[in-house]
Amino acid sequence: MTTPQPTKGDPLLVPSDQVGQCALCHAKCHRYGPGGNPLCLSCLARVEARRTKTSTH
């Protein structure tokens, strides 16, 4: 059994001072510093999907 590799934006890949809570679900994510985002990758994907779905109508 292999260990899954962390993905880009994974809080395990950034320094601890750049990790914070997602603004929506409060999961740990790369929130601060270069490349930081207030949303975790899951919430960001949901928001983007909703945005593209809304903009086509």
Protein backbone atom coordinates (compact mmCIF):
# COMPACT_ATOMS: atom_id res chain seq x y z
CA MET A 1 0.00 0.00 0.00
CA THR A 2 1.42 3.38 -0.96
CA THR A 3 1.06 6.69 0.83
CA PRO A 4 -0.80 9.30 -1.25
CA GLN A 5 1.34 12.22 -2.35
CA PRO A 6 0.28 15.68 -1.16
CA THR A 7 -1.23 17.91 -3.84
CA LYS A 8 -0.38 21.52 -4.64
CA GLY A 9 -1.99 23.73 -2.03
CA ASP A 10 -1.78 20.99 0.58
CA PRO A 11 -0.98 22.50 3.99
CA LEU A 12 1.75 19.86 4.44
CA LEU A 13 3.78 21.47 1.63
CA VAL A 14 3.88 25.03 2.99
CA PRO A 15 5.54 26.53 6.08
CA SER A 16 3.31 26.42 9.15
CA ASP A 17 3.07 30.22 9.31
CA GLN A 18 1.25 30.16 5.94
CA VAL A 19 -1.38 27.62 7.01
CA GLY A 20 -4.79 28.83 8.12
CA GLN A 21 -8.42 27.79 8.09
CA CYS A 22 -10.58 27.76 4.98
CA ALA A 23 -13.11 30.60 5.07
CA LEU A 24 -15.98 28.19 4.29
CA CYS A 25 -15.30 24.77 5.81
CA HIS A 26 -12.51 25.66 8.29
CA ALA A 27 -10.19 22.91 7.04
CA LYS A 28 -6.46 23.61 7.14
CA CYS A 29 -5.20 25.10 3.88
CA HIS A 30 -2.44 27.26 2.38
CA ARG A 31 -4.04 30.57 3.30
CA TYR A 32 -1.22 33.10 3.69
CA GLY A 33 1.87 34.10 1.73
CA PRO A 34 2.65 33.57 -1.94
CA GLY A 35 0.04 31.33 -3.57
CA GLY A 36 -2.24 31.47 -0.55
CA ASN A 37 -6.01 31.42 -0.88
CA PRO A 38 -8.78 31.96 1.69
CA LEU A 39 -10.46 28.76 0.43
CA CYS A 40 -9.22 25.16 0.53
CA LEU A 41 -8.95 23.34 -2.80
CA SER A 42 -12.30 21.55 -2.29
CA CYS A 43 -14.23 24.75 -1.56
CA LEU A 44 -12.43 26.61 -4.34
CA ALA A 45 -13.46 23.93 -6.84
CA ARG A 46 -17.10 24.14 -5.68
CA VAL A 47 -17.12 27.95 -5.93
CA GLU A 48 -15.54 27.86 -9.40
CA ALA A 49 -18.02 25.22 -10.59
CA ARG A 50 -20.90 27.32 -9.30
CA ARG A 51 -19.45 30.43 -10.93
CA THR A 52 -19.12 28.80 -14.37
CA LYS A 53 -22.57 27.24 -14.07
CA THR A 54 -24.13 30.63 -13.19
CA SER A 55 -22.27 32.61 -15.85
CA THR A 56 -23.55 30.39 -18.71
CA HIS A 57 -27.21 31.05 -17.88
